[in-house]
């Protein structure tokens, strides 16, 4: 299973929704709290300029935010990415 990383903040409802979706599927992930400015800048660089949270990566693939993650799940495309 590729490594899943979520750049997030504690107060972000979309971050919590993304983590809940992954938790419900039993998918382990690494959460990176971007309240630290240097971590937020690293996220922005890695996410090609996107500044909003969450920013989700599966392996080296940038999924995007919660909406994109949920869309992958609805289309049946998330599970293949996770194997």
PDB file of N, CA and C in Angstrom:
ATOM      1  N   UNK A   1       0.846  -1.178   0.000  1.00  0.00           N
ATOM      2  CA  UNK A   1       0.000   0.000   0.000  1.00  0.00           C
ATOM      3  C   UNK A   1       0.894   1.245   0.000  1.00  0.00           C
ATOM      4  N   UNK A   2       0.640   2.186  -0.903  1.00  0.00           N
ATOM      5  CA  UNK A   2       1.448   3.399  -0.913  1.00  0.00           C
ATOM      6  C   UNK A   2       1.167   4.251   0.326  1.00  0.00           C
ATOM      7  N   UNK A   3       2.144   5.048   0.690  1.00  0.00           N
ATOM      8  CA  UNK A   3       2.025   5.935   1.840  1.00  0.00           C
ATOM      9  C   UNK A   3       1.003   7.032   1.530  1.00  0.00           C
ATOM     10  N   UNK A   4       0.101   7.288   2.492  1.00  0.00           N
ATOM     11  CA  UNK A   4      -0.888   8.355   2.360  1.00  0.00           C
ATOM     12  C   UNK A   4      -0.513   9.462   3.334  1.00  0.00           C
ATOM     13  N   UNK A   5      -0.461  10.686   2.817  1.00  0.00           N
ATOM     14  CA  UNK A   5      -0.140  11.847   3.644  1.00  0.00           C
ATOM     15  C   UNK A   5      -1.233  12.892   3.473  1.00  0.00           C
ATOM     16  N   UNK A   6      -1.622  13.490   4.606  1.00  0.00           N
ATOM     17  CA  UNK A   6      -2.633  14.540   4.604  1.00  0.00           C
ATOM     18  C   UNK A   6      -2.044  15.760   5.296  1.00  0.00           C
ATOM     19  N   UNK A   7      -1.925  16.832   4.556  1.00  0.00           N
ATOM     20  CA  UNK A   7      -1.539  18.122   5.132  1.00  0.00           C
ATOM     21  C   UNK A   7      -2.829  18.752   5.639  1.00  0.00           C
ATOM     22  N   UNK A   8      -2.856  19.128   6.924  1.00  0.00           N
ATOM     23  CA  UNK A   8      -4.115  19.563   7.517  1.00  0.00           C
ATOM     24  C   UNK A   8      -3.893  20.528   8.681  1.00  0.00           C
ATOM     25  N   UNK A   9      -5.018  21.018   9.214  1.00  0.00           N
ATOM     26  CA  UNK A   9      -5.040  21.760  10.468  1.00  0.00           C
ATOM     27  C   UNK A   9      -6.123  21.142  11.342  1.00  0.00           C
ATOM     28  N   UNK A  10      -6.053  21.401  12.641  1.00  0.00           N
ATOM     29  CA  UNK A  10      -7.024  20.824  13.580  1.00  0.00           C
ATOM     30  C   UNK A  10      -8.436  21.360  13.374  1.00  0.00           C
ATOM     31  N   UNK A  11      -8.571  22.583  12.933  1.00  0.00           N
ATOM     32  CA  UNK A  11      -9.882  23.243  12.880  1.00  0.00           C
ATOM     33  C   UNK A  11     -10.562  23.155  11.510  1.00  0.00           C
ATOM     34  N   UNK A  12     -10.002  22.386  10.609  1.00  0.00           N
ATOM     35  CA  UNK A  12     -10.518  22.307   9.240  1.00  0.00           C
ATOM     36  C   UNK A  12     -11.544  21.175   9.115  1.00  0.00           C
ATOM     37  N   UNK A  13     -12.824  21.500   8.826  1.00  0.00           N
ATOM     38  CA  UNK A  13     -13.826  20.433   8.704  1.00  0.00           C
ATOM     39  C   UNK A  13     -13.577  19.509   7.507  1.00  0.00           C
ATOM     40  N   UNK A  14     -13.006  20.032   6.430  1.00  0.00           N
ATOM     41  CA  UNK A  14     -12.714  19.181   5.274  1.00  0.00           C
ATOM     42  C   UNK A  14     -11.565  18.217   5.576  1.00  0.00           C
ATOM     43  N   UNK A  15     -10.627  18.667   6.388  1.00  0.00           N
ATOM     44  CA  UNK A  15      -9.543  17.777   6.826  1.00  0.00           C
ATOM     45  C   UNK A  15     -10.122  16.626   7.642  1.00  0.00           C
ATOM     46  N   UNK A  16     -11.020  16.961   8.561  1.00  0.00           N
ATOM     47  CA  UNK A  16     -11.643  15.926   9.392  1.00  0.00           C
ATOM     48  C   UNK A  16     -12.462  14.959   8.544  1.00  0.00           C
ATOM     49  N   UNK A  17     -13.140  15.466   7.526  1.00  0.00           N
ATOM     50  CA  UNK A  17     -13.926  14.596   6.643  1.00  0.00           C
ATOM     51  C   UNK A  17     -13.012  13.648   5.865  1.00  0.00           C
ATOM     52  N   UNK A  18     -11.890  14.162   5.380  1.00  0.00           N
ATOM     53  CA  UNK A  18     -10.942  13.313   4.642  1.00  0.00           C
ATOM     54  C   UNK A  18     -10.376  12.228   5.551  1.00  0.00           C
ATOM     55  N   UNK A  19     -10.012  12.596   6.763  1.00  0.00           N
ATOM     56  CA  UNK A  19      -9.469  11.612   7.700  1.00  0.00           C
ATOM     57  C   UNK A  19     -10.529  10.574   8.065  1.00  0.00           C
ATOM     58  N   UNK A  20     -11.774  11.003   8.227  1.00  0.00           N
ATOM     59  CA  UNK A  20     -12.862  10.061   8.529  1.00  0.00           C
ATOM     60  C   UNK A  20     -13.077   9.077   7.391  1.00  0.00           C
ATOM     61  N   UNK A  21     -13.042   9.574   6.154  1.00  0.00           N
ATOM     62  CA  UNK A  21     -13.205   8.691   4.999  1.00  0.00           C
ATOM     63  C   UNK A  21     -12.116   7.622   4.997  1.00  0.00           C
ATOM     64  N   UNK A  22     -10.888   8.038   5.212  1.00  0.00           N
ATOM     65  CA  UNK A  22      -9.775   7.074   5.232  1.00  0.00           C
ATOM     66  C   UNK A  22      -9.863   6.143   6.430  1.00  0.00           C
ATOM     67  N   UNK A  23     -10.237   6.688   7.602  1.00  0.00           N
ATOM     68  CA  UNK A  23     -10.408   5.850   8.796  1.00  0.00           C
ATOM     69  C   UNK A  23     -11.473   4.776   8.557  1.00  0.00           C
ATOM     70  N   UNK A  24     -12.599   5.181   7.944  1.00  0.00           N
ATOM     71  CA  UNK A  24     -13.682   4.226   7.678  1.00  0.00           C
ATOM     72  C   UNK A  24     -13.226   3.100   6.754  1.00  0.00           C
ATOM     73  N   UNK A  25     -12.275   3.394   5.870  1.00  0.00           N
ATOM     74  CA  UNK A  25     -11.748   2.387   4.958  1.00  0.00           C
ATOM     75  C   UNK A  25     -10.590   1.607   5.575  1.00  0.00           C
ATOM     76  N   UNK A  26     -10.146   2.003   6.779  1.00  0.00           N
ATOM     77  CA  UNK A  26      -9.028   1.332   7.428  1.00  0.00           C
ATOM     78  C   UNK A  26      -7.682   1.668   6.808  1.00  0.00           C
ATOM     79  N   UNK A  27      -7.587   2.838   6.196  1.00  0.00           N
ATOM     80  CA  UNK A  27      -6.356   3.253   5.514  1.00  0.00           C
ATOM     81  C   UNK A  27      -5.495   4.062   6.483  1.00  0.00           C
ATOM     82  N   UNK A  28      -4.287   3.601   6.775  1.00  0.00           N
ATOM     83  CA  UNK A  28      -3.399   4.401   7.621  1.00  0.00           C
ATOM     84  C   UNK A  28      -2.871   5.600   6.836  1.00  0.00           C
ATOM     85  N   UNK A  29      -2.627   6.691   7.541  1.00  0.00           N
ATOM     86  CA  UNK A  29      -2.107   7.895   6.893  1.00  0.00           C
ATOM     87  C   UNK A  29      -1.225   8.665   7.866  1.00  0.00           C
ATOM     88  N   UNK A  30      -0.384   9.475   7.296  1.00  0.00           N
ATOM     89  CA  UNK A  30       0.455  10.385   8.070  1.00  0.00           C
ATOM     90  C   UNK A  30      -0.181  11.764   7.976  1.00  0.00           C
ATOM     91  N   UNK A  31      -0.456  12.358   9.116  1.00  0.00           N
ATOM     92  CA  UNK A  31      -1.027  13.703   9.148  1.00  0.00           C
ATOM     93  C   UNK A  31       0.091  14.714   9.409  1.00  0.00           C
ATOM     94  N   UNK A  32       0.135  15.750   8.588  1.00  0.00           N
ATOM     95  CA  UNK A  32       1.137  16.797   8.731  1.00  0.00           C
ATOM     96  C   UNK A  32       0.398  18.089   9.036  1.00  0.00           C
ATOM     97  N   UNK A  33       0.564  18.588  10.269  1.00  0.00           N
ATOM     98  CA  UNK A  33      -0.116  19.800  10.718  1.00  0.00           C
ATOM     99  C   UNK A  33       0.615  21.016  10.161  1.00  0.00           C
ATOM    100  N   UNK A  34      -0.070  21.777   9.336  1.00  0.00           N
ATOM    101  CA  UNK A  34       0.577  22.900   8.662  1.00  0.00           C
ATOM    102  C   UNK A  34       0.373  24.233   9.374  1.00  0.00           C
ATOM    103  N   UNK A  35       0.072  24.189  10.678  1.00  0.00           N
ATOM    104  CA  UNK A  35       0.043  25.439  11.424  1.00  0.00           C
ATOM    105  C   UNK A  35       1.450  25.997  11.576  1.00  0.00           C
ATOM    106  N   UNK A  36       2.448  25.144  11.431  1.00  0.00           N
ATOM    107  CA  UNK A  36       3.860  25.557  11.404  1.00  0.00           C
ATOM    108  C   UNK A  36       4.140  26.136  10.017  1.00  0.00           C
ATOM    109  N   UNK A  37       4.536  27.418   9.931  1.00  0.00           N
ATOM    110  CA  UNK A  37       4.728  28.064   8.626  1.00  0.00           C
ATOM    111  C   UNK A  37       5.666  27.325   7.670  1.00  0.00           C
ATOM    112  N   UNK A  38       6.734  26.739   8.172  1.00  0.00           N
ATOM    113  CA  UNK A  38       7.661  26.043   7.274  1.00  0.00           C
ATOM    114  C   UNK A  38       7.010  24.796   6.664  1.00  0.00           C
ATOM    115  N   UNK A  39       6.155  24.121   7.429  1.00  0.00           N
ATOM    116  CA  UNK A  39       5.452  22.945   6.902  1.00  0.00           C
ATOM    117  C   UNK A  39       4.394  23.366   5.885  1.00  0.00           C
ATOM    118  N   UNK A  40       3.738  24.513   6.126  1.00  0.00           N
ATOM    119  CA  UNK A  40       2.765  25.001   5.147  1.00  0.00           C
ATOM    120  C   UNK A  40       3.461  25.349   3.835  1.00  0.00           C
ATOM    121  N   UNK A  41       4.624  25.969   3.900  1.00  0.00           N
ATOM    122  CA  UNK A  41       5.354  26.317   2.685  1.00  0.00           C
ATOM    123  C   UNK A  41       5.774  25.051   1.929  1.00  0.00           C
ATOM    124  N   UNK A  42       6.185  24.022   2.659  1.00  0.00           N
ATOM    125  CA  UNK A  42       6.536  22.751   2.020  1.00  0.00           C
ATOM    126  C   UNK A  42       5.316  22.150   1.326  1.00  0.00           C
ATOM    127  N   UNK A  43       4.144  22.257   1.965  1.00  0.00           N
ATOM    128  CA  UNK A  43       2.913  21.762   1.362  1.00  0.00           C
ATOM    129  C   UNK A  43       2.604  22.525   0.076  1.00  0.00           C
ATOM    130  N   UNK A  44       2.695  23.846   0.120  1.00  0.00           N
ATOM    131  CA  UNK A  44       2.390  24.677  -1.048  1.00  0.00           C
ATOM    132  C   UNK A  44       3.298  24.303  -2.216  1.00  0.00           C
ATOM    133  N   UNK A  45       4.566  24.101  -1.925  1.00  0.00           N
ATOM    134  CA  UNK A  45       5.498  23.708  -2.993  1.00  0.00           C
ATOM    135  C   UNK A  45       5.135  22.337  -3.548  1.00  0.00           C
ATOM    136  N   UNK A  46       4.865  21.404  -2.677  1.00  0.00           N
ATOM    137  CA  UNK A  46       4.576  20.039  -3.115  1.00  0.00           C
ATOM    138  C   UNK A  46       3.233  19.966  -3.849  1.00  0.00           C
ATOM    139  N   UNK A  47       2.280  20.816  -3.457  1.00  0.00           N
ATOM    140  CA  UNK A  47       0.935  20.795  -4.038  1.00  0.00           C
ATOM    141  C   UNK A  47       0.800  21.789  -5.192  1.00  0.00           C
ATOM    142  N   UNK A  48       1.921  22.171  -5.771  1.00  0.00           N
ATOM    143  CA  UNK A  48       1.924  23.028  -6.960  1.00  0.00           C
ATOM    144  C   UNK A  48       1.182  24.344  -6.742  1.00  0.00           C
ATOM    145  N   UNK A  49       1.436  24.965  -5.588  1.00  0.00           N
ATOM    146  CA  UNK A  49       0.879  26.280  -5.310  1.00  0.00           C
ATOM    147  C   UNK A  49      -0.446  26.293  -4.576  1.00  0.00           C
ATOM    148  N   UNK A  50      -1.056  25.149  -4.370  1.00  0.00           N
ATOM    149  CA  UNK A  50      -2.332  25.123  -3.633  1.00  0.00           C
ATOM    150  C   UNK A  50      -2.064  25.371  -2.161  1.00  0.00           C
ATOM    151  N   UNK A  51      -2.809  26.318  -1.591  1.00  0.00           N
ATOM    152  CA  UNK A  51      -2.578  26.765  -0.223  1.00  0.00           C
ATOM    153  C   UNK A  51      -3.629  26.265   0.767  1.00  0.00           C
ATOM    154  N   UNK A  52      -4.722  25.703   0.271  1.00  0.00           N
ATOM    155  CA  UNK A  52      -5.805  25.279   1.151  1.00  0.00           C
ATOM    156  C   UNK A  52      -5.545  23.883   1.696  1.00  0.00           C
ATOM    157  N   UNK A  53      -6.187  23.584   2.805  1.00  0.00           N
ATOM    158  CA  UNK A  53      -6.103  22.253   3.392  1.00  0.00           C
ATOM    159  C   UNK A  53      -7.474  21.602   3.325  1.00  0.00           C
ATOM    160  N   UNK A  54      -7.507  20.294   3.254  1.00  0.00           N
ATOM    161  CA  UNK A  54      -6.364  19.397   3.216  1.00  0.00           C
ATOM    162  C   UNK A  54      -5.753  19.324   1.816  1.00  0.00           C
ATOM    163  N   UNK A  55      -4.512  18.918   1.785  1.00  0.00           N
ATOM    164  CA  UNK A  55      -3.856  18.493   0.549  1.00  0.00           C
ATOM    165  C   UNK A  55      -3.443  17.055   0.799  1.00  0.00           C
ATOM    166  N   UNK A  56      -3.877  16.173  -0.076  1.00  0.00           N
ATOM    167  CA  UNK A  56      -3.737  14.736   0.142  1.00  0.00           C
ATOM    168  C   UNK A  56      -2.857  14.137  -0.946  1.00  0.00           C
ATOM    169  N   UNK A  57      -1.928  13.297  -0.509  1.00  0.00           N
ATOM    170  CA  UNK A  57      -1.034  12.583  -1.424  1.00  0.00           C
ATOM    171  C   UNK A  57      -1.149  11.096  -1.158  1.00  0.00           C
ATOM    172  N   UNK A  58      -1.236  10.336  -2.237  1.00  0.00           N
ATOM    173  CA  UNK A  58      -1.168   8.876  -2.161  1.00  0.00           C
ATOM    174  C   UNK A  58       0.092   8.498  -2.920  1.00  0.00           C
ATOM    175  N   UNK A  59       1.087   8.031  -2.178  1.00  0.00           N
ATOM    176  CA  UNK A  59       2.408   7.856  -2.772  1.00  0.00           C
ATOM    177  C   UNK A  59       2.894   9.224  -3.219  1.00  0.00           C
ATOM    178  N   UNK A  60       3.317   9.326  -4.453  1.00  0.00           N
ATOM    179  CA  UNK A  60       3.758  10.615  -4.991  1.00  0.00           C
ATOM    180  C   UNK A  60       2.654  11.326  -5.775  1.00  0.00           C
ATOM    181  N   UNK A  61       1.457  10.733  -5.812  1.00  0.00           N
ATOM    182  CA  UNK A  61       0.344  11.315  -6.558  1.00  0.00           C
ATOM    183  C   UNK A  61      -0.393  12.331  -5.700  1.00  0.00           C
ATOM    184  N   UNK A  62      -0.507  13.544  -6.200  1.00  0.00           N
ATOM    185  CA  UNK A  62      -1.269  14.586  -5.525  1.00  0.00           C
ATOM    186  C   UNK A  62      -2.745  14.404  -5.865  1.00  0.00           C
ATOM    187  N   UNK A  63      -3.527  14.002  -4.879  1.00  0.00           N
ATOM    188  CA  UNK A  63      -4.954  13.774  -5.068  1.00  0.00           C
ATOM    189  C   UNK A  63      -5.692  15.112  -5.098  1.00  0.00           C
ATOM    190  N   UNK A  64      -5.290  16.038  -4.250  1.00  0.00           N
ATOM    191  CA  UNK A  64      -5.982  17.312  -4.089  1.00  0.00           C
ATOM    192  C   UNK A  64      -6.554  17.385  -2.694  1.00  0.00           C
ATOM    193  N   UNK A  65      -7.760  17.951  -2.588  1.00  0.00           N
ATOM    194  CA  UNK A  65      -8.412  18.112  -1.300  1.00  0.00           C
ATOM    195  C   UNK A  65      -9.462  17.050  -1.043  1.00  0.00           C
ATOM    196  N   UNK A  66     -10.319  17.329  -0.058  1.00  0.00           N
ATOM    197  CA  UNK A  66     -11.352  16.362   0.306  1.00  0.00           C
ATOM    198  C   UNK A  66     -12.307  16.096  -0.850  1.00  0.00           C
ATOM    199  N   UNK A  67     -12.715  17.137  -1.553  1.00  0.00           N
ATOM    200  CA  UNK A  67     -13.669  16.938  -2.650  1.00  0.00           C
ATOM    201  C   UNK A  67     -13.139  15.951  -3.682  1.00  0.00           C
ATOM    202  N   UNK A  68     -11.873  16.080  -4.021  1.00  0.00           N
ATOM    203  CA  UNK A  68     -11.269  15.167  -5.001  1.00  0.00           C
ATOM    204  C   UNK A  68     -11.159  13.750  -4.443  1.00  0.00           C
ATOM    205  N   UNK A  69     -10.817  13.635  -3.150  1.00  0.00           N
ATOM    206  CA  UNK A  69     -10.733  12.319  -2.507  1.00  0.00           C
ATOM    207  C   UNK A  69     -12.101  11.645  -2.513  1.00  0.00           C
ATOM    208  N   UNK A  70     -13.137  12.386  -2.139  1.00  0.00           N
ATOM    209  CA  UNK A  70     -14.490  11.829  -2.103  1.00  0.00           C
ATOM    210  C   UNK A  70     -14.958  11.450  -3.509  1.00  0.00           C
ATOM    211  N   UNK A  71     -14.593  12.249  -4.486  1.00  0.00           N
ATOM    212  CA  UNK A  71     -14.962  11.942  -5.866  1.00  0.00           C
ATOM    213  C   UNK A  71     -14.304  10.640  -6.334  1.00  0.00           C
ATOM    214  N   UNK A  72     -13.027  10.451  -5.994  1.00  0.00           N
ATOM    215  CA  UNK A  72     -12.353   9.198  -6.325  1.00  0.00           C
ATOM    216  C   UNK A  72     -13.079   8.010  -5.685  1.00  0.00           C
ATOM    217  N   UNK A  73     -13.504   8.177  -4.434  1.00  0.00           N
ATOM    218  CA  UNK A  73     -14.215   7.109  -3.730  1.00  0.00           C
ATOM    219  C   UNK A  73     -15.548   6.808  -4.425  1.00  0.00           C
ATOM    220  N   UNK A  74     -16.319   7.836  -4.772  1.00  0.00           N
ATOM    221  CA  UNK A  74     -17.613   7.637  -5.428  1.00  0.00           C
ATOM    222  C   UNK A  74     -17.462   6.941  -6.780  1.00  0.00           C
ATOM    223  N   UNK A  75     -16.390   7.222  -7.482  1.00  0.00           N
ATOM    224  CA  UNK A  75     -16.155   6.633  -8.805  1.00  0.00           C
ATOM    225  C   UNK A  75     -15.521   5.246  -8.743  1.00  0.00           C
ATOM    226  N   UNK A  76     -15.180   4.797  -7.530  1.00  0.00           N
ATOM    227  CA  UNK A  76     -14.529   3.504  -7.394  1.00  0.00           C
ATOM    228  C   UNK A  76     -13.065   3.522  -7.786  1.00  0.00           C
ATOM    229  N   UNK A  77     -12.472   4.696  -7.819  1.00  0.00           N
ATOM    230  CA  UNK A  77     -11.079   4.828  -8.237  1.00  0.00           C
ATOM    231  C   UNK A  77     -10.099   4.923  -7.072  1.00  0.00           C
ATOM    232  N   UNK A  78     -10.605   5.090  -5.840  1.00  0.00           N
ATOM    233  CA  UNK A  78      -9.704   5.254  -4.702  1.00  0.00           C
ATOM    234  C   UNK A  78      -9.042   3.935  -4.307  1.00  0.00           C
ATOM    235  N   UNK A  79      -9.800   2.872  -4.209  1.00  0.00           N
ATOM    236  CA  UNK A  79      -9.228   1.589  -3.789  1.00  0.00           C
ATOM    237  C   UNK A  79      -8.057   1.145  -4.684  1.00  0.00           C
ATOM    238  N   UNK A  80      -8.191   1.236  -6.013  1.00  0.00           N
ATOM    239  CA  UNK A  80      -7.041   0.851  -6.839  1.00  0.00           C
ATOM    240  C   UNK A  80      -5.791   1.699  -6.576  1.00  0.00           C
ATOM    241  N   UNK A  81      -5.991   2.960  -6.215  1.00  0.00           N
ATOM    242  CA  UNK A  81      -4.831   3.813  -5.915  1.00  0.00           C
ATOM    243  C   UNK A  81      -4.137   3.395  -4.629  1.00  0.00           C
ATOM    244  N   UNK A  82      -4.898   2.772  -3.747  1.00  0.00           N
ATOM    245  CA  UNK A  82      -4.383   2.405  -2.422  1.00  0.00           C
ATOM    246  C   UNK A  82      -3.719   1.034  -2.396  1.00  0.00           C
ATOM    247  N   UNK A  83      -3.782   0.295  -3.502  1.00  0.00           N
ATOM    248  CA  UNK A  83      -3.189  -1.050  -3.508  1.00  0.00           C
ATOM    249  C   UNK A  83      -1.846  -1.047  -4.227  1.00  0.00           C
TER     250      UNK A  83
END
